[in-house]
C-alpha atoms as a PDB file:
ATOM      1  CA  MET A   1     -12.717   5.326  26.135  1.00  0.00           C
ATOM      2  CA  LEU A   2      -8.933   5.736  25.089  1.00  0.00           C
ATOM      3  CA  VAL A   3      -7.556   3.433  22.140  1.00  0.00           C
ATOM      4  CA  CYS A   4      -3.595   4.434  21.077  1.00  0.00           C
ATOM      5  CA  SER A   5      -2.002   2.973  18.118  1.00  0.00           C
ATOM      6  CA  ARG A   6       0.778   3.612  16.359  1.00  0.00           C
ATOM      7  CA  GLU A   7      -1.175   4.021  12.520  1.00  0.00           C
ATOM      8  CA  ARG A   8      -3.616   2.608  11.848  1.00  0.00           C
ATOM      9  CA  VAL A   9      -6.092   5.315  13.801  1.00  0.00           C
ATOM     10  CA  GLY A  10      -8.423   5.330  10.254  1.00  0.00           C
ATOM     11  CA  ASP A  11      -9.584   2.189   9.960  1.00  0.00           C
ATOM     12  CA  ALA A  12     -10.603   2.019  13.918  1.00  0.00           C
ATOM     13  CA  ALA A  13     -12.248   5.147  13.721  1.00  0.00           C
ATOM     14  CA  THR A  14     -13.646   3.485  10.186  1.00  0.00           C
ATOM     15  CA  HIS A  15     -14.905   0.371  11.698  1.00  0.00           C
ATOM     16  CA  LEU A  16     -16.193   2.326  15.102  1.00  0.00           C
ATOM     17  CA  LEU A  17     -18.536   4.841  13.098  1.00  0.00           C
ATOM     18  CA  VAL A  18     -20.247   1.704  11.530  1.00  0.00           C
ATOM     19  CA  GLU A  19     -21.147   0.032  14.198  1.00  0.00           C
ATOM     20  CA  LEU A  20     -22.317   3.134  16.245  1.00  0.00           C
ATOM     21  CA  ALA A  21     -24.217   4.719  13.168  1.00  0.00           C
ATOM     22  CA  LEU A  22     -26.085   1.201  13.131  1.00  0.00           C
ATOM     23  CA  ARG A  23     -27.172   1.544  16.349  1.00  0.00           C
ATOM     24  CA  GLY A  24     -27.998   5.579  16.350  1.00  0.00           C
ATOM     25  CA  GLU A  25     -26.200   8.938  15.297  1.00  0.00           C
ATOM     26  CA  ALA A  26     -22.606   9.439  16.213  1.00  0.00           C
ATOM     27  CA  LEU A  27     -20.441  12.918  15.731  1.00  0.00           C
ATOM     28  CA  ALA A  28     -16.515  12.297  14.860  1.00  0.00           C
ATOM     29  CA  ILE A  29     -14.107  14.901  15.593  1.00  0.00           C
ATOM     30  CA  ASP A  30     -11.075  14.616  13.173  1.00  0.00           C
ATOM     31  CA  GLY A  31      -8.085  16.063  14.748  1.00  0.00           C
ATOM     32  CA  GLY A  32      -5.663  14.482  12.302  1.00  0.00           C
ATOM     33  CA  ASN A  33      -7.305  14.475   8.824  1.00  0.00           C
ATOM     34  CA  ARG A  34      -7.119  10.900   9.378  1.00  0.00           C
ATOM     35  CA  LEU A  35     -10.764   9.871   8.558  1.00  0.00           C
ATOM     36  CA  GLN A  36     -11.239   8.728   4.879  1.00  0.00           C
ATOM     37  CA  ALA A  37     -15.566   9.314   3.461  1.00  0.00           C
ATOM     38  CA  TYR A  38     -14.635   6.765   0.885  1.00  0.00           C
ATOM     39  CA  PRO A  39     -13.402   3.957   3.138  1.00  0.00           C
ATOM     40  CA  LEU A  40     -16.250   5.395   5.502  1.00  0.00           C
ATOM     41  CA  ALA A  41     -19.145   4.823   2.701  1.00  0.00           C
ATOM     42  CA  ARG A  42     -18.140   1.259   1.626  1.00  0.00           C
ATOM     43  CA  ALA A  43     -18.400  -0.130   4.628  1.00  0.00           C
ATOM     44  CA  LEU A  44     -21.735   1.272   6.015  1.00  0.00           C
ATOM     45  CA  ARG A  45     -22.127   0.198   2.031  1.00  0.00           C
ATOM     46  CA  GLU A  46     -21.009  -3.374   3.054  1.00  0.00           C
ATOM     47  CA  ARG A  47     -23.270  -3.696   6.413  1.00  0.00           C
ATOM     48  CA  THR A  48     -26.533  -2.237   5.054  1.00  0.00           C
ATOM     49  CA  ASN A  49     -29.249  -1.367   1.628  1.00  0.00           C
ATOM     50  CA  ARG A  50     -30.512   1.606   3.793  1.00  0.00           C
ATOM     51  CA  PHE A  51     -26.869   3.223   3.311  1.00  0.00           C
ATOM     52  CA  ASP A  52     -27.727   6.640   2.661  1.00  0.00           C
ATOM     53  CA  PHE A  53     -30.024   6.232   6.213  1.00  0.00           C
ATOM     54  CA  PHE A  54     -27.222   5.207   8.251  1.00  0.00           C
ATOM     55  CA  CYS A  55     -24.486   7.964   6.004  1.00  0.00           C
ATOM     56  CA  GLN A  56     -26.834  10.791   7.878  1.00  0.00           C
ATOM     57  CA  ARG A  57     -26.245   9.642  11.286  1.00  0.00           C
ATOM     58  CA  VAL A  58     -22.586  10.300  11.344  1.00  0.00           C
ATOM     59  CA  LEU A  59     -21.635  13.963  11.380  1.00  0.00           C
ATOM     60  CA  ILE A  60     -17.915  14.437  11.151  1.00  0.00           C
ATOM     61  CA  ARG A  61     -16.127  18.128  12.237  1.00  0.00           C
ATOM     62  CA  ARG A  62     -12.333  18.474  11.297  1.00  0.00           C
ATOM     63  CA  ALA A  63      -9.999  20.183  13.620  1.00  0.00           C
ATOM     64  CA  PHE A  64      -6.732  21.565  11.679  1.00  0.00           C
ATOM     65  CA  THR A  65      -5.449  23.533  14.725  1.00  0.00           C
ATOM     66  CA  ALA A  66      -4.918  22.755  18.439  1.00  0.00           C
ATOM     67  CA  TYR A  67      -6.950  26.190  19.051  1.00  0.00           C
ATOM     68  CA  GLN A  68      -9.850  24.430  16.663  1.00  0.00           C
ATOM     69  CA  LEU A  69     -10.321  21.322  17.959  1.00  0.00           C
ATOM     70  CA  LEU A  70     -10.610  23.325  21.760  1.00  0.00           C
ATOM     71  CA  ALA A  71     -12.949  25.758  20.020  1.00  0.00           C
ATOM     72  CA  LEU A  72     -15.513  22.790  18.896  1.00  0.00           C
ATOM     73  CA  LEU A  73     -14.992  21.231  22.149  1.00  0.00           C
ATOM     74  CA  GLU A  74     -16.061  24.385  24.003  1.00  0.00           C
ATOM     75  CA  SER A  75     -18.371  24.732  21.504  1.00  0.00           C
ATOM     76  CA  LEU A  76     -20.978  21.534  21.497  1.00  0.00           C
ATOM     77  CA  PRO A  77     -23.972  20.874  23.782  1.00  0.00           C
ATOM     78  CA  LEU A  78     -24.074  18.012  26.653  1.00  0.00           C
ATOM     79  CA  LEU A  79     -24.876  15.476  23.642  1.00  0.00           C
ATOM     80  CA  THR A  80     -27.133  12.112  23.941  1.00  0.00           C
ATOM     81  CA  SER A  81     -25.127  10.637  21.200  1.00  0.00           C
ATOM     82  CA  PRO A  82     -21.246   8.835  21.239  1.00  0.00           C
ATOM     83  CA  LEU A  83     -18.127  11.364  19.905  1.00  0.00           C
ATOM     84  CA  VAL A  84     -15.400   9.541  18.399  1.00  0.00           C
ATOM     85  CA  ILE A  85     -13.260  11.611  18.839  1.00  0.00           C
ATOM     86  CA  LEU A  86     -10.106  11.215  16.220  1.00  0.00           C
ATOM     87  CA  ASP A  87      -6.270  11.335  16.522  1.00  0.00           C
ATOM     88  CA  PRO A  88      -6.825  14.779  18.863  1.00  0.00           C
ATOM     89  CA  LEU A  89      -3.061  15.644  19.446  1.00  0.00           C
ATOM     90  CA  ALA A  90      -1.919  15.449  15.661  1.00  0.00           C
ATOM     91  CA  SER A  91      -1.974  19.691  16.327  1.00  0.00           C
ATOM     92  CA  PHE A  92      -0.467  19.409  19.462  1.00  0.00           C
ATOM     93  CA  TYR A  93       2.954  18.250  17.918  1.00  0.00           C
ATOM     94  CA  ASP A  94       3.811  20.861  15.869  1.00  0.00           C
ATOM     95  CA  GLU A  95       6.689  22.584  16.552  1.00  0.00           C
ATOM     96  CA  THR A  96       5.612  25.798  16.084  1.00  0.00           C
ATOM     97  CA  LEU A  97       2.983  25.603  19.227  1.00  0.00           C
ATOM     98  CA  PRO A  98       5.056  26.510  22.429  1.00  0.00           C
ATOM     99  CA  VAL A  99       5.656  23.843  24.677  1.00  0.00           C
ATOM    100  CA  GLY A 100       2.732  25.806  27.072  1.00  0.00           C
ATOM    101  CA  GLN A 101       0.623  26.508  25.082  1.00  0.00           C
ATOM    102  CA  ALA A 102       0.557  23.200  24.416  1.00  0.00           C
ATOM    103  CA  ARG A 103       0.126  22.154  27.820  1.00  0.00           C
ATOM    104  CA  TRP A 104      -2.478  24.527  28.403  1.00  0.00           C
ATOM    105  CA  LEU A 105      -4.863  23.505  25.571  1.00  0.00           C
ATOM    106  CA  VAL A 106      -4.654  19.767  25.768  1.00  0.00           C
ATOM    107  CA  GLN A 107      -5.640  20.434  30.434  1.00  0.00           C
ATOM    108  CA  ARG A 108      -8.680  22.652  28.360  1.00  0.00           C
ATOM    109  CA  CYS A 109      -9.899  20.344  26.137  1.00  0.00           C
ATOM    110  CA  LEU A 110      -9.666  17.605  28.574  1.00  0.00           C
ATOM    111  CA  GLN A 111     -11.844  19.516  30.843  1.00  0.00           C
ATOM    112  CA  GLU A 112     -14.351  20.238  28.758  1.00  0.00           C
ATOM    113  CA  ILE A 113     -13.539  16.196  27.040  1.00  0.00           C
ATOM    114  CA  GLU A 114     -14.562  15.611  30.856  1.00  0.00           C
ATOM    115  CA  ARG A 115     -17.392  17.698  31.021  1.00  0.00           C
ATOM    116  CA  LEU A 116     -19.285  15.787  27.443  1.00  0.00           C
ATOM    117  CA  LYS A 117     -18.508  12.420  29.196  1.00  0.00           C
ATOM    118  CA  ARG A 118     -20.624  13.130  31.353  1.00  0.00           C
ATOM    119  CA  ALA A 119     -23.519  12.632  29.019  1.00  0.00           C
ATOM    120  CA  ALA A 120     -23.046  10.393  26.409  1.00  0.00           C
ATOM    121  CA  PRO A 121     -20.172   8.380  25.501  1.00  0.00           C
ATOM    122  CA  VAL A 122     -16.857   9.597  24.229  1.00  0.00           C
ATOM    123  CA  PHE A 123     -13.731   7.346  22.265  1.00  0.00           C
ATOM    124  CA  LEU A 124     -10.179   9.241  21.855  1.00  0.00           C
ATOM    125  CA  LEU A 125      -8.532   7.439  18.977  1.00  0.00           C
ATOM    126  CA  LEU A 126      -5.142   8.759  19.707  1.00  0.00           C
ATOM    127  CA  ARG A 127      -2.028   7.836  16.910  1.00  0.00           C
ATOM    128  CA  THR A 128       1.385   7.473  19.765  1.00  0.00           C
ATOM    129  CA  CYS A 129       3.303  10.527  19.607  1.00  0.00           C
ATOM    130  CA  PRO A 130       6.264  10.793  17.206  1.00  0.00           C
ATOM    131  CA  LEU A 131       8.250  13.178  19.195  1.00  0.00           C
ATOM    132  CA  PRO A 132       9.747  12.349  22.887  1.00  0.00           C
ATOM    133  CA  GLN A 133      10.155  15.797  23.883  1.00  0.00           C
ATOM    134  CA  ARG A 134       6.028  16.474  23.197  1.00  0.00           C
ATOM    135  CA  ARG A 135       5.355  12.555  24.541  1.00  0.00           C
ATOM    136  CA  PHE A 136       4.104  14.489  27.759  1.00  0.00           C
ATOM    137  CA  LEU A 137       1.132  15.519  26.370  1.00  0.00           C
ATOM    138  CA  GLN A 138      -0.269  11.851  25.131  1.00  0.00           C
ATOM    139  CA  ASP A 139       0.590  10.982  28.601  1.00  0.00           C
ATOM    140  CA  MET A 140      -2.010  13.643  29.791  1.00  0.00           C
ATOM    141  CA  VAL A 141      -3.901  11.987  27.603  1.00  0.00           C
ATOM    142  CA  CYS A 142      -4.236   8.406  28.857  1.00  0.00           C
ATOM    143  CA  ARG A 143      -4.314   9.204  32.709  1.00  0.00           C
ATOM    144  CA  GLN A 144      -7.635  10.971  32.102  1.00  0.00           C
ATOM    145  CA  ALA A 145      -9.099   8.321  30.055  1.00  0.00           C
ATOM    146  CA  ASP A 146     -10.802   5.464  31.993  1.00  0.00           C
ATOM    147  CA  THR A 147     -10.879   2.828  29.842  1.00  0.00           C
ATOM    148  CA  LEU A 148      -7.156   2.943  27.325  1.00  0.00           C
ATOM    149  CA  PHE A 149      -6.556   0.102  25.071  1.00  0.00           C
ATOM    150  CA  TYR A 150      -3.121   0.055  23.267  1.00  0.00           C
ATOM    151  CA  GLU A 151      -2.718  -1.428  20.030  1.00  0.00           C
ATOM    152  CA  GLN A 152       0.045  -3.619  19.666  1.00  0.00           C
ATOM    153  CA  GLU A 153       3.148  -3.352  18.030  1.00  0.00           C
ATOM    154  CA  GLU A 154       4.544  -5.949  15.167  1.00  0.00           C
ATOM    155  CA  ILE A 155       7.655  -7.456  15.245  1.00  0.00           C
ATOM    156  CA  THR A 156       8.872  -7.024  10.896  1.00  0.00           C
ATOM    157  CA  SER A 157      12.453  -8.395  11.880  1.00  0.00           C
ATOM    158  CA  PHE A 158      13.617 -11.612  10.796  1.00  0.00           C
ATOM    159  CA  VAL A 159      16.095 -14.211  12.454  1.00  0.00           C
ATOM    160  CA  GLN A 160      17.767 -16.499  10.116  1.00  0.00           C
ATOM    161  CA  PRO A 161      16.820 -20.249  11.524  1.00  0.00           C
ATOM    162  CA  ALA A 162      20.682 -22.140  12.266  1.00  0.00           C
ATOM    163  CA  LEU A 163      21.197 -24.119   9.858  1.00  0.00           C
ATOM    164  CA  PHE A 164      23.229 -27.339  11.332  1.00  0.00           C
END
Protein backbone atom coordinates (compact mmCIF):
# COMPACT_ATOMS: atom_id res chain seq x y z
CA MET A 1 0.00 0.00 0.00
CA LEU A 2 1.39 3.37 -1.00
CA VAL A 3 0.31 6.75 0.33
CA CYS A 4 1.60 9.85 -1.49
CA SER A 5 1.51 13.08 0.43
CA ARG A 6 2.85 16.56 -0.11
CA GLU A 7 4.27 17.23 3.37
CA ARG A 8 2.52 15.32 6.16
CA VAL A 9 4.34 12.02 5.79
CA GLY A 10 5.61 12.05 9.38
CA ASP A 11 2.14 12.62 10.83
CA ALA A 12 0.65 9.82 8.76
CA ALA A 13 3.44 7.47 9.86
CA THR A 14 2.87 8.34 13.51
CA HIS A 15 -0.83 7.53 13.31
CA LEU A 16 -0.23 4.34 11.33
CA LEU A 17 2.48 3.10 13.70
CA VAL A 18 0.30 3.74 16.76
CA GLU A 19 -2.52 1.70 15.24
CA LEU A 20 -0.14 -1.11 14.30
CA ALA A 21 1.52 -1.11 17.74
CA LEU A 22 -1.85 -1.50 19.43
CA ARG A 23 -2.40 -4.65 17.36
CA GLY A 24 1.11 -6.15 17.45
CA GLU A 25 4.69 -5.45 16.46
CA ALA A 26 5.71 -3.20 13.57
CA LEU A 27 8.97 -2.24 11.92
CA ALA A 28 9.49 1.24 10.50
CA ILE A 29 12.25 2.18 8.09
CA ASP A 30 12.65 5.94 7.88
CA GLY A 31 14.27 6.98 4.62
CA GLY A 32 13.77 10.72 4.98
CA ASN A 33 14.33 11.32 8.69
CA ARG A 34 10.65 12.29 8.98
CA LEU A 35 9.55 10.16 11.93
CA GLN A 36 9.78 12.03 15.21
CA ALA A 37 9.99 9.96 18.40
CA TYR A 38 8.25 12.42 20.75
CA PRO A 39 5.02 12.77 18.74
CA LEU A 40 4.95 8.99 18.34
CA ALA A 41 5.40 8.49 22.08
CA ARG A 42 2.77 11.15 22.84
CA ALA A 43 0.27 9.53 20.47
CA LEU A 44 0.86 6.13 22.05
CA ARG A 45 0.46 7.58 25.55
CA GLU A 46 -2.86 9.14 24.51
CA ARG A 47 -4.19 5.76 23.39
CA THR A 48 -3.02 3.49 26.23
CA ASN A 49 -1.86 3.54 29.82
CA ARG A 50 0.53 0.64 29.08
CA PHE A 51 2.88 2.95 27.21
CA ASP A 52 6.10 1.01 27.97
CA PHE A 53 4.67 -2.25 26.65
CA PHE A 54 3.30 -0.80 23.41
CA CYS A 55 6.32 1.41 22.81
CA GLN A 56 8.51 -1.69 22.61
CA ARG A 57 6.37 -3.02 19.77
CA VAL A 58 7.66 -0.38 17.34
CA LEU A 59 11.18 -0.85 15.99
CA ILE A 60 12.59 2.06 14.00
CA ARG A 61 15.54 1.96 11.63
CA ARG A 62 16.84 4.92 9.66
CA ALA A 63 18.48 4.99 6.24
CA PHE A 64 20.37 8.18 5.42
CA THR A 65 21.42 7.24 1.88
CA ALA A 66 19.87 5.32 -0.99
CA TYR A 67 22.52 2.64 -0.53
CA GLN A 68 21.65 2.27 3.17
CA LEU A 69 17.98 1.86 2.31
CA LEU A 70 18.79 -0.95 -0.10
CA ALA A 71 21.11 -2.60 2.43
CA LEU A 72 18.40 -2.44 5.12
CA LEU A 73 15.81 -3.99 2.82
CA GLU A 74 18.20 -6.71 1.69
CA SER A 75 19.12 -7.59 5.27
CA LEU A 76 15.52 -8.02 6.45
CA PRO A 77 14.27 -11.57 6.79
CA LEU A 78 10.68 -12.28 5.84
CA LEU A 79 8.66 -10.59 8.56
CA THR A 80 5.42 -11.65 10.15
CA SER A 81 4.67 -8.11 11.34
CA PRO A 82 3.87 -5.09 9.13
CA LEU A 83 6.65 -3.01 7.61
CA VAL A 84 6.25 0.76 7.25
CA ILE A 85 8.71 2.50 4.94
CA LEU A 86 8.63 6.23 5.46
CA ASP A 87 9.74 8.57 2.66
CA PRO A 88 11.89 5.92 0.93
CA LEU A 89 12.89 8.13 -2.01
CA ALA A 90 14.17 11.11 -0.01
CA SER A 91 17.84 10.22 -0.51
CA PHE A 92 17.23 9.27 -4.15
CA TYR A 93 16.47 12.91 -4.93
CA ASP A 94 20.05 13.89 -4.04
CA GLU A 95 21.51 15.50 -7.16
CA THR A 96 24.95 14.00 -6.42
CA LEU A 97 23.46 10.54 -7.03
CA PRO A 98 23.64 9.85 -10.78
CA VAL A 99 20.24 9.32 -12.41
CA GLY A 100 21.15 5.88 -13.78
CA GLN A 101 22.35 4.74 -10.37
CA ALA A 102 19.19 6.10 -8.73
CA ARG A 103 17.03 4.15 -11.22
CA TRP A 104 18.96 0.93 -10.54
CA LEU A 105 18.75 1.40 -6.76
CA VAL A 106 14.98 2.00 -6.90
CA GLN A 107 14.53 -1.15 -9.01
CA ARG A 108 16.53 -3.17 -6.48
CA CYS A 109 14.59 -1.69 -3.55
CA LEU A 110 11.30 -2.51 -5.28
CA GLN A 111 12.47 -6.11 -5.77
CA GLU A 112 13.20 -6.37 -2.06
CA ILE A 113 9.83 -4.81 -1.15
CA GLU A 114 8.15 -7.32 -3.46
CA ARG A 115 9.95 -10.13 -1.60
CA LEU A 116 8.97 -8.74 1.81
CA LYS A 117 5.31 -8.16 0.99
CA ARG A 118 4.81 -11.87 0.36
CA ALA A 119 5.02 -12.51 4.11
CA ALA A 120 3.50 -9.38 5.70
CA PRO A 121 1.86 -6.07 4.74
CA VAL A 122 4.16 -3.32 3.53
CA PHE A 123 3.12 0.34 3.77
CA LEU A 124 5.03 3.03 1.90
CA LEU A 125 4.47 6.64 2.88
CA LEU A 126 5.94 8.71 0.09
CA ARG A 127 6.42 12.46 -0.03
CA THR A 128 5.66 13.91 -3.47
CA CYS A 129 8.81 14.35 -5.56
CA PRO A 130 10.11 17.94 -5.41
CA LEU A 131 12.32 17.60 -8.52
CA PRO A 132 10.65 17.26 -11.95
CA GLN A 133 13.72 15.53 -13.42
CA ARG A 134 13.50 12.79 -10.73
CA ARG A 135 9.72 12.32 -10.81
CA PHE A 136 10.18 9.10 -12.79
CA LEU A 137 11.44 7.49 -9.55
CA GLN A 138 8.13 8.24 -7.85
CA ASP A 139 6.30 6.86 -10.91
CA MET A 140 8.31 3.62 -10.67
CA VAL A 141 7.20 3.16 -7.07
CA CYS A 142 3.58 4.08 -7.82
CA ARG A 143 3.37 1.52 -10.63
CA GLN A 144 4.49 -1.20 -8.23
CA ALA A 145 1.86 -0.46 -5.55
CA ASP A 146 -1.15 -2.72 -5.08
CA THR A 147 -3.14 0.12 -3.49
CA LEU A 148 -2.37 3.79 -4.03
CA PHE A 149 -3.68 6.83 -2.13
CA TYR A 150 -2.91 10.43 -3.04
CA GLU A 151 -3.46 13.20 -0.54
CA GLN A 152 -5.67 15.92 -1.97
CA GLU A 153 -3.86 19.19 -2.52
CA GLU A 154 -5.33 22.04 -0.57
CA ILE A 155 -6.29 25.14 -2.50
CA THR A 156 -4.95 28.10 -0.59
CA SER A 157 -5.74 30.94 -2.96
CA PHE A 158 -8.42 33.34 -1.89
CA VAL A 159 -10.88 34.89 -4.28
CA GLN A 160 -12.16 38.39 -3.64
CA PRO A 161 -15.94 38.29 -3.89
CA ALA A 162 -17.65 40.89 -6.07
CA LEU A 163 -19.00 43.83 -4.12
CA PHE A 164 -21.94 44.48 -6.45
